[in-house]
Structures are given as structure tokens and as C-alpha cells.
């Protein structure tokens, strides 16, 4: 299993934090929507805890963000070949 400190995973977390901030939500508000403690959100945002796919989808749902678009943004940001194709 790869480390949660890989550049793509760090960028994924940055995108999730950006989406949370854009939605105008605090960590506590997201945690309430998820039915989890605030520390759950804090830990995954800081990279102390890895999100599985189902959790990722639920977080996106609560942030009212499209998980597929977030992944496209992630792929485009980290892959020069993808950026060239998109132009």
C-alpha cells in the first residue's frame, strides 16, 4: 500500500479542503453532516487518516461537490500528459 504522503494524495486532500471552504463549511459542520466527530474531518484533511472510496464519496456528497469532477481536477493537476490532451 502506498503512503498517504504521496503528492497525488496530498493534492486530493487540498482539493477537498478547497471544496469545503468554497461551500462555506467548517470541519465541525461537515462532521455533523457525516454523523462523525470533528476529529474525523481534521484527521483526513491533515493526512493522518486515509479515506476509503465510500467515505470519499460521502464526503463529496456532504460538500455538495461532484466526486468525478474532483478526480478529473486531481488527474489534470498531477499529470502533464493529461493537461496537454485537455488543451
Protein backbone atom coordinates (compact mmCIF):
# COMPACT_ATOMS: atom_id res chain seq x y z
CA UNK A 1 0.00 0.00 0.00
CA UNK A 2 1.27 3.48 -0.86
CA UNK A 3 1.88 6.14 1.72
CA UNK A 4 -0.78 8.76 2.36
CA UNK A 5 2.00 11.30 1.86
CA UNK A 6 2.24 10.82 -1.91
CA UNK A 7 1.90 14.03 -3.91
CA UNK A 8 -1.38 12.96 -5.59
CA UNK A 9 -2.97 12.10 -2.23
CA UNK A 10 -1.78 15.37 -0.69
CA UNK A 11 -3.32 17.20 -3.66
CA UNK A 12 -6.59 15.27 -3.21
CA UNK A 13 -6.75 16.48 0.39
CA UNK A 14 -6.03 20.04 -0.72
CA UNK A 15 -8.90 19.83 -3.21
CA UNK A 16 -11.26 18.53 -0.51
CA UNK A 17 -10.29 21.39 1.81
CA UNK A 18 -10.78 23.87 -1.05
CA UNK A 19 -14.23 22.43 -1.76
CA UNK A 20 -15.16 22.62 1.94
CA UNK A 21 -14.05 26.24 2.13
CA UNK A 22 -15.87 27.09 -1.10
CA UNK A 23 -19.02 25.58 0.39
CA UNK A 24 -18.55 27.84 3.41
CA UNK A 25 -18.45 24.91 5.81
CA UNK A 26 -16.35 24.33 8.90
CA UNK A 27 -14.86 20.97 9.79
CA UNK A 28 -17.48 20.70 12.54
CA UNK A 29 -20.33 21.29 10.11
CA UNK A 30 -19.03 18.64 7.73
CA UNK A 31 -18.58 16.23 10.63
CA UNK A 32 -22.16 16.86 11.76
CA UNK A 33 -23.42 16.13 8.24
CA UNK A 34 -21.38 12.91 8.20
CA UNK A 35 -22.50 11.89 11.68
CA UNK A 36 -18.87 11.74 12.74
CA UNK A 37 -16.73 13.67 15.24
CA UNK A 38 -14.91 16.80 14.08
CA UNK A 39 -11.63 14.96 14.61
CA UNK A 40 -12.57 12.61 11.73
CA UNK A 41 -12.58 15.54 9.30
CA UNK A 42 -9.46 17.06 10.83
CA UNK A 43 -7.55 13.79 10.59
CA UNK A 44 -8.35 13.11 6.96
CA UNK A 45 -7.71 16.73 5.96
CA UNK A 46 -4.28 16.63 7.63
CA UNK A 47 -3.47 13.25 6.10
CA UNK A 48 -3.42 11.42 9.42
CA UNK A 49 -6.24 9.16 8.28
CA UNK A 50 -6.83 7.79 4.81
CA UNK A 51 -10.31 7.96 3.27
CA UNK A 52 -11.63 4.87 1.59
CA UNK A 53 -13.70 5.19 -1.59
CA UNK A 54 -17.07 5.04 0.15
CA UNK A 55 -16.01 7.69 2.67
CA UNK A 56 -14.65 9.86 -0.14
CA UNK A 57 -17.98 9.69 -1.97
CA UNK A 58 -19.90 10.56 1.20
CA UNK A 59 -17.60 13.49 1.98
CA UNK A 60 -18.11 14.80 -1.56
CA UNK A 61 -21.87 14.40 -1.19
CA UNK A 62 -21.86 16.41 2.04
CA UNK A 63 -19.68 19.09 0.43
CA UNK A 64 -22.13 19.13 -2.50
CA UNK A 65 -19.25 18.61 -4.90
CA UNK A 66 -19.04 16.22 -7.82
CA UNK A 67 -16.57 13.47 -6.89
CA UNK A 68 -15.90 12.71 -10.55
CA UNK A 69 -15.03 16.33 -11.30
CA UNK A 70 -12.79 16.45 -8.25
CA UNK A 71 -10.93 13.38 -9.53
CA UNK A 72 -10.67 14.92 -13.02
CA UNK A 73 -9.21 18.05 -11.41
CA UNK A 74 -6.78 15.87 -9.48
CA UNK A 75 -5.74 13.96 -12.58
CA UNK A 76 -5.32 17.12 -14.62
CA UNK A 77 -3.25 18.81 -11.92
CA UNK A 78 -0.86 15.93 -11.48
CA UNK A 79 -0.41 14.57 -14.97
CA UNK A 80 1.30 16.78 -17.60
CA UNK A 81 0.17 14.43 -20.40
CA UNK A 82 -3.46 14.86 -19.34
CA UNK A 83 -3.11 18.66 -19.26
CA UNK A 84 -1.73 18.65 -22.80
CA UNK A 85 -4.61 16.49 -24.05
CA UNK A 86 -7.18 18.77 -22.44
CA UNK A 87 -5.97 21.84 -24.37
